[in-house]
Amino acid sequence: MRIWLAILLILALAPSAWADVSSGPKVGDKIPPLPVFAATGEFKDKTVDLAKERGDKPAVYVFVQAEHWGRPMFRFIKKLDEVIPEEAKDAAVVAVWLGEKPDDYKEYLPKISQYYSAAALTVFTGEKAGPKDWGINLDAHITVVVAAKGKVAAAFGFQSVNDTDAPMVRDALKNAVK
């Protein structure tokens, strides 16, 4: 009986060890097209298919439901921005804002870009749920898709996220590029 109580306690105290909801494409799927407006980065002020541009290079795609944007998500992406480029040659973080006010996001993202060293901050200007082939679950406030060799290596959907969740994503990328 005590062992079950210990297991329940561990599960209750470590909720960030697993994603909250299923979101994103299936592991093993080819990375689908990602047409976005680049608010920062190499393609600034252009609409581009970043998945096509990234090709087989490792990437962590972060889909942000803009209505849920806040300090914990900011810190999570900042932590990814710090650790992902160290994990693999040419690895990058691509953050994609989803929501009903794309013009507002296009104006806002360059202002916060000063806090990120490498992350590309982008806006999807279509449906609120993002590009249809990405399978973004609107119940996920943030969806993270780890890609390597042009395929999905891992996908996480979070209703609550912070910088302590970044190591799980880093480890998924590290395993994918082996």
C-alpha atoms as a PDB file:
ATOM      1  CA  MET A   1       0.000   0.000   0.000  1.00  0.00           C
ATOM      2  CA  ARG A   2       2.829   2.426   0.837  1.00  0.00           C
ATOM      3  CA  ILE A   3       4.460   1.885  -2.543  1.00  0.00           C
ATOM      4  CA  TRP A   4       1.254   3.008  -4.302  1.00  0.00           C
ATOM      5  CA  LEU A   5       1.072   6.112  -2.148  1.00  0.00           C
ATOM      6  CA  ALA A   6       4.697   6.885  -2.993  1.00  0.00           C
ATOM      7  CA  ILE A   7       4.009   6.457  -6.716  1.00  0.00           C
ATOM      8  CA  LEU A   8       0.953   8.720  -6.544  1.00  0.00           C
ATOM      9  CA  LEU A   9       2.950  11.340  -4.652  1.00  0.00           C
ATOM     10  CA  ILE A  10       5.723  11.274  -7.252  1.00  0.00           C
ATOM     11  CA  LEU A  11       3.208  11.613 -10.076  1.00  0.00           C
ATOM     12  CA  ALA A  12       1.470  14.499  -8.325  1.00  0.00           C
ATOM     13  CA  LEU A  13       4.725  16.373  -7.697  1.00  0.00           C
ATOM     14  CA  ALA A  14       6.177  15.907 -11.203  1.00  0.00           C
ATOM     15  CA  PRO A  15       3.404  16.917 -13.610  1.00  0.00           C
ATOM     16  CA  SER A  16       5.838  18.452 -16.100  1.00  0.00           C
ATOM     17  CA  ALA A  17       7.427  15.065 -16.760  1.00  0.00           C
ATOM     18  CA  TRP A  18       4.756  14.502 -19.396  1.00  0.00           C
ATOM     19  CA  ALA A  19       2.961  16.707 -21.833  1.00  0.00           C
ATOM     20  CA  ASP A  20      -0.570  17.702 -20.860  1.00  0.00           C
ATOM     21  CA  VAL A  21      -2.440  16.939 -24.096  1.00  0.00           C
ATOM     22  CA  SER A  22      -1.799  15.283 -27.423  1.00  0.00           C
ATOM     23  CA  SER A  23      -0.881  17.869 -30.044  1.00  0.00           C
ATOM     24  CA  GLY A  24       1.208  18.001 -33.177  1.00  0.00           C
ATOM     25  CA  PRO A  25       1.997  15.534 -35.934  1.00  0.00           C
ATOM     26  CA  LYS A  26       2.798  11.884 -35.190  1.00  0.00           C
ATOM     27  CA  VAL A  27       6.335  10.733 -34.490  1.00  0.00           C
ATOM     28  CA  GLY A  28       7.911   9.502 -37.712  1.00  0.00           C
ATOM     29  CA  ASP A  29       5.771  11.712 -39.980  1.00  0.00           C
ATOM     30  CA  LYS A  30       7.497  13.903 -42.531  1.00  0.00           C
ATOM     31  CA  ILE A  31       7.590  17.544 -41.417  1.00  0.00           C
ATOM     32  CA  PRO A  32       4.684  19.265 -43.217  1.00  0.00           C
ATOM     33  CA  PRO A  33       4.881  22.665 -44.899  1.00  0.00           C
ATOM     34  CA  LEU A  34       4.999  25.631 -42.534  1.00  0.00           C
ATOM     35  CA  PRO A  35       4.040  28.864 -44.317  1.00  0.00           C
ATOM     36  CA  VAL A  36       4.645  31.715 -41.861  1.00  0.00           C
ATOM     37  CA  PHE A  37       5.413  35.407 -41.763  1.00  0.00           C
ATOM     38  CA  ALA A  38       8.903  35.816 -40.297  1.00  0.00           C
ATOM     39  CA  ALA A  39       8.794  38.704 -37.835  1.00  0.00           C
ATOM     40  CA  THR A  40      12.488  38.207 -36.991  1.00  0.00           C
ATOM     41  CA  GLY A  41      15.486  36.253 -38.178  1.00  0.00           C
ATOM     42  CA  GLU A  42      16.989  35.422 -41.545  1.00  0.00           C
ATOM     43  CA  PHE A  43      13.713  35.866 -43.463  1.00  0.00           C
ATOM     44  CA  LYS A  44      12.468  38.920 -41.551  1.00  0.00           C
ATOM     45  CA  ASP A  45       9.375  40.601 -43.043  1.00  0.00           C
ATOM     46  CA  LYS A  46       8.834  37.796 -45.579  1.00  0.00           C
ATOM     47  CA  THR A  47       6.332  34.983 -45.868  1.00  0.00           C
ATOM     48  CA  VAL A  48       8.260  31.746 -46.191  1.00  0.00           C
ATOM     49  CA  ASP A  49       7.824  27.992 -45.757  1.00  0.00           C
ATOM     50  CA  LEU A  50      10.231  27.550 -42.847  1.00  0.00           C
ATOM     51  CA  ALA A  51       9.927  23.769 -42.857  1.00  0.00           C
ATOM     52  CA  LYS A  52      11.101  23.735 -46.465  1.00  0.00           C
ATOM     53  CA  GLU A  53      13.895  26.193 -45.690  1.00  0.00           C
ATOM     54  CA  ARG A  54      15.036  24.116 -42.680  1.00  0.00           C
ATOM     55  CA  GLY A  55      14.917  20.898 -44.698  1.00  0.00           C
ATOM     56  CA  ASP A  56      16.659  18.067 -42.823  1.00  0.00           C
ATOM     57  CA  LYS A  57      18.298  20.395 -40.281  1.00  0.00           C
ATOM     58  CA  PRO A  58      17.238  19.786 -36.657  1.00  0.00           C
ATOM     59  CA  ALA A  59      14.582  22.137 -35.336  1.00  0.00           C
ATOM     60  CA  VAL A  60      12.250  22.668 -32.442  1.00  0.00           C
ATOM     61  CA  TYR A  61       8.979  24.156 -33.665  1.00  0.00           C
ATOM     62  CA  VAL A  62       7.030  25.888 -30.898  1.00  0.00           C
ATOM     63  CA  PHE A  63       3.397  26.781 -31.619  1.00  0.00           C
ATOM     64  CA  VAL A  64       2.115  29.427 -29.199  1.00  0.00           C
ATOM     65  CA  GLN A  65      -1.605  30.045 -28.711  1.00  0.00           C
ATOM     66  CA  ALA A  66      -1.210  33.832 -28.455  1.00  0.00           C
ATOM     67  CA  GLU A  67      -4.171  34.273 -26.105  1.00  0.00           C
ATOM     68  CA  HIS A  68      -2.264  32.229 -23.498  1.00  0.00           C
ATOM     69  CA  TRP A  69       1.095  33.985 -23.961  1.00  0.00           C
ATOM     70  CA  GLY A  70       2.758  34.981 -20.718  1.00  0.00           C
ATOM     71  CA  ARG A  71       5.892  34.932 -18.614  1.00  0.00           C
ATOM     72  CA  PRO A  72       6.145  31.123 -18.191  1.00  0.00           C
ATOM     73  CA  MET A  73       5.993  30.587 -21.984  1.00  0.00           C
ATOM     74  CA  PHE A  74       8.473  33.415 -22.488  1.00  0.00           C
ATOM     75  CA  ARG A  75      10.936  31.720 -20.106  1.00  0.00           C
ATOM     76  CA  PHE A  76      10.354  28.308 -21.728  1.00  0.00           C
ATOM     77  CA  ILE A  77      11.189  29.617 -25.206  1.00  0.00           C
ATOM     78  CA  LYS A  78      14.142  31.580 -23.814  1.00  0.00           C
ATOM     79  CA  LYS A  79      15.532  28.404 -22.243  1.00  0.00           C
ATOM     80  CA  LEU A  80      15.067  26.516 -25.526  1.00  0.00           C
ATOM     81  CA  ASP A  81      16.785  29.381 -27.337  1.00  0.00           C
ATOM     82  CA  GLU A  82      19.773  28.917 -25.019  1.00  0.00           C
ATOM     83  CA  VAL A  83      20.106  25.125 -25.091  1.00  0.00           C
ATOM     84  CA  ILE A  84      18.872  23.903 -28.499  1.00  0.00           C
ATOM     85  CA  PRO A  85      21.658  25.442 -30.635  1.00  0.00           C
ATOM     86  CA  GLU A  86      24.191  23.641 -28.405  1.00  0.00           C
ATOM     87  CA  GLU A  87      22.690  20.211 -29.083  1.00  0.00           C
ATOM     88  CA  ALA A  88      23.263  19.853 -32.802  1.00  0.00           C
ATOM     89  CA  LYS A  89      24.909  21.605 -35.693  1.00  0.00           C
ATOM     90  CA  ASP A  90      22.414  23.932 -37.385  1.00  0.00           C
ATOM     91  CA  ALA A  91      19.713  23.267 -34.742  1.00  0.00           C
ATOM     92  CA  ALA A  92      17.185  26.077 -34.352  1.00  0.00           C
ATOM     93  CA  VAL A  93      14.076  27.129 -32.484  1.00  0.00           C
ATOM     94  CA  VAL A  94      11.172  28.338 -34.622  1.00  0.00           C
ATOM     95  CA  ALA A  95       8.376  29.918 -32.573  1.00  0.00           C
ATOM     96  CA  VAL A  96       5.036  30.311 -34.368  1.00  0.00           C
ATOM     97  CA  TRP A  97       2.315  32.561 -32.971  1.00  0.00           C
ATOM     98  CA  LEU A  98      -1.240  31.375 -33.617  1.00  0.00           C
ATOM     99  CA  GLY A  99      -4.349  33.424 -32.989  1.00  0.00           C
ATOM    100  CA  GLU A 100      -6.912  35.877 -34.234  1.00  0.00           C
ATOM    101  CA  LYS A 101      -4.715  39.004 -34.412  1.00  0.00           C
ATOM    102  CA  PRO A 102      -1.773  38.222 -36.704  1.00  0.00           C
ATOM    103  CA  ASP A 103      -1.091  41.884 -37.458  1.00  0.00           C
ATOM    104  CA  ASP A 104      -0.690  42.577 -33.728  1.00  0.00           C
ATOM    105  CA  TYR A 105       1.772  39.665 -33.412  1.00  0.00           C
ATOM    106  CA  LYS A 106       3.774  40.915 -36.395  1.00  0.00           C
ATOM    107  CA  GLU A 107       4.193  44.225 -34.561  1.00  0.00           C
ATOM    108  CA  TYR A 108       4.847  42.685 -31.116  1.00  0.00           C
ATOM    109  CA  LEU A 109       7.388  39.957 -31.935  1.00  0.00           C
ATOM    110  CA  PRO A 110      10.243  42.210 -33.118  1.00  0.00           C
ATOM    111  CA  LYS A 111       9.954  44.047 -29.777  1.00  0.00           C
ATOM    112  CA  ILE A 112      10.577  40.892 -27.741  1.00  0.00           C
ATOM    113  CA  SER A 113      13.209  39.495 -30.097  1.00  0.00           C
ATOM    114  CA  GLN A 114      15.918  41.347 -28.169  1.00  0.00           C
ATOM    115  CA  TYR A 115      15.510  38.747 -25.405  1.00  0.00           C
ATOM    116  CA  TYR A 116      16.218  35.815 -27.713  1.00  0.00           C
ATOM    117  CA  SER A 117      19.577  35.182 -29.328  1.00  0.00           C
ATOM    118  CA  ALA A 118      18.650  32.789 -32.123  1.00  0.00           C
ATOM    119  CA  ALA A 119      14.955  31.845 -32.084  1.00  0.00           C
ATOM    120  CA  ALA A 120      13.020  32.761 -35.212  1.00  0.00           C
ATOM    121  CA  LEU A 121       9.762  34.434 -34.157  1.00  0.00           C
ATOM    122  CA  THR A 122       7.034  33.947 -36.725  1.00  0.00           C
ATOM    123  CA  VAL A 123       3.292  34.354 -37.267  1.00  0.00           C
ATOM    124  CA  PHE A 124       0.897  31.945 -38.928  1.00  0.00           C
ATOM    125  CA  THR A 125      -1.695  34.095 -40.679  1.00  0.00           C
ATOM    126  CA  GLY A 126      -4.267  31.409 -41.467  1.00  0.00           C
ATOM    127  CA  GLU A 127      -6.550  29.434 -39.174  1.00  0.00           C
ATOM    128  CA  LYS A 128      -6.195  29.838 -35.407  1.00  0.00           C
ATOM    129  CA  ALA A 129      -5.334  26.121 -35.132  1.00  0.00           C
ATOM    130  CA  GLY A 130      -2.285  26.612 -37.331  1.00  0.00           C
ATOM    131  CA  PRO A 131      -1.304  24.826 -40.526  1.00  0.00           C
ATOM    132  CA  LYS A 132      -3.754  21.949 -41.052  1.00  0.00           C
ATOM    133  CA  ASP A 133      -1.151  19.199 -41.471  1.00  0.00           C
ATOM    134  CA  TRP A 134       0.514  20.041 -38.144  1.00  0.00           C
ATOM    135  CA  GLY A 135      -2.392  18.704 -36.049  1.00  0.00           C
ATOM    136  CA  ILE A 136      -2.283  21.458 -33.442  1.00  0.00           C
ATOM    137  CA  ASN A 137      -4.757  20.799 -30.624  1.00  0.00           C
ATOM    138  CA  LEU A 138      -6.417  24.031 -29.475  1.00  0.00           C
ATOM    139  CA  ASP A 139      -6.503  22.602 -25.939  1.00  0.00           C
ATOM    140  CA  ALA A 140      -2.700  22.880 -25.922  1.00  0.00           C
ATOM    141  CA  HIS A 141      -1.616  26.387 -25.016  1.00  0.00           C
ATOM    142  CA  ILE A 142       1.767  25.575 -26.494  1.00  0.00           C
ATOM    143  CA  THR A 143       2.740  22.728 -28.831  1.00  0.00           C
ATOM    144  CA  VAL A 144       6.355  21.689 -29.322  1.00  0.00           C
ATOM    145  CA  VAL A 145       7.459  19.570 -32.282  1.00  0.00           C
ATOM    146  CA  VAL A 146      11.017  18.255 -32.365  1.00  0.00           C
ATOM    147  CA  ALA A 147      12.278  17.580 -35.883  1.00  0.00           C
ATOM    148  CA  ALA A 148      15.400  15.885 -37.182  1.00  0.00           C
ATOM    149  CA  LYS A 149      16.258  14.545 -40.627  1.00  0.00           C
ATOM    150  CA  GLY A 150      13.011  16.003 -41.987  1.00  0.00           C
ATOM    151  CA  LYS A 151      10.813  13.925 -39.673  1.00  0.00           C
ATOM    152  CA  VAL A 152       8.942  14.385 -36.420  1.00  0.00           C
ATOM    153  CA  ALA A 153      11.036  13.005 -33.569  1.00  0.00           C
ATOM    154  CA  ALA A 154       8.727  14.068 -30.706  1.00  0.00           C
ATOM    155  CA  ALA A 155       5.636  16.199 -30.082  1.00  0.00           C
ATOM    156  CA  PHE A 156       4.439  17.714 -26.815  1.00  0.00           C
ATOM    157  CA  GLY A 157       1.247  19.596 -26.017  1.00  0.00           C
ATOM    158  CA  PHE A 158       1.199  21.697 -22.857  1.00  0.00           C
ATOM    159  CA  GLN A 159      -1.557  23.583 -21.100  1.00  0.00           C
ATOM    160  CA  SER A 160       0.991  24.820 -18.607  1.00  0.00           C
ATOM    161  CA  VAL A 161       4.687  25.141 -19.367  1.00  0.00           C
ATOM    162  CA  ASN A 162       7.760  26.839 -17.940  1.00  0.00           C
ATOM    163  CA  ASP A 163      11.528  26.730 -18.313  1.00  0.00           C
ATOM    164  CA  THR A 164      11.776  23.499 -16.283  1.00  0.00           C
ATOM    165  CA  ASP A 165      10.131  21.695 -19.225  1.00  0.00           C
ATOM    166  CA  ALA A 166      12.940  22.675 -21.613  1.00  0.00           C
ATOM    167  CA  PRO A 167      15.296  19.780 -20.668  1.00  0.00           C
ATOM    168  CA  MET A 168      12.671  17.258 -21.823  1.00  0.00           C
ATOM    169  CA  VAL A 169      12.586  18.938 -25.248  1.00  0.00           C
ATOM    170  CA  ARG A 170      16.393  19.237 -25.359  1.00  0.00           C
ATOM    171  CA  ASP A 171      16.718  15.528 -24.571  1.00  0.00           C
ATOM    172  CA  ALA A 172      14.249  14.629 -27.327  1.00  0.00           C
ATOM    173  CA  LEU A 173      16.351  16.584 -29.830  1.00  0.00           C
ATOM    174  CA  LYS A 174      19.573  15.073 -28.516  1.00  0.00           C
ATOM    175  CA  ASN A 175      18.161  11.550 -29.011  1.00  0.00           C
ATOM    176  CA  ALA A 176      16.833  12.419 -32.462  1.00  0.00           C
ATOM    177  CA  VAL A 177      20.140  13.612 -33.864  1.00  0.00           C
ATOM    178  CA  LYS A 178      22.186  10.640 -32.657  1.00  0.00           C
END
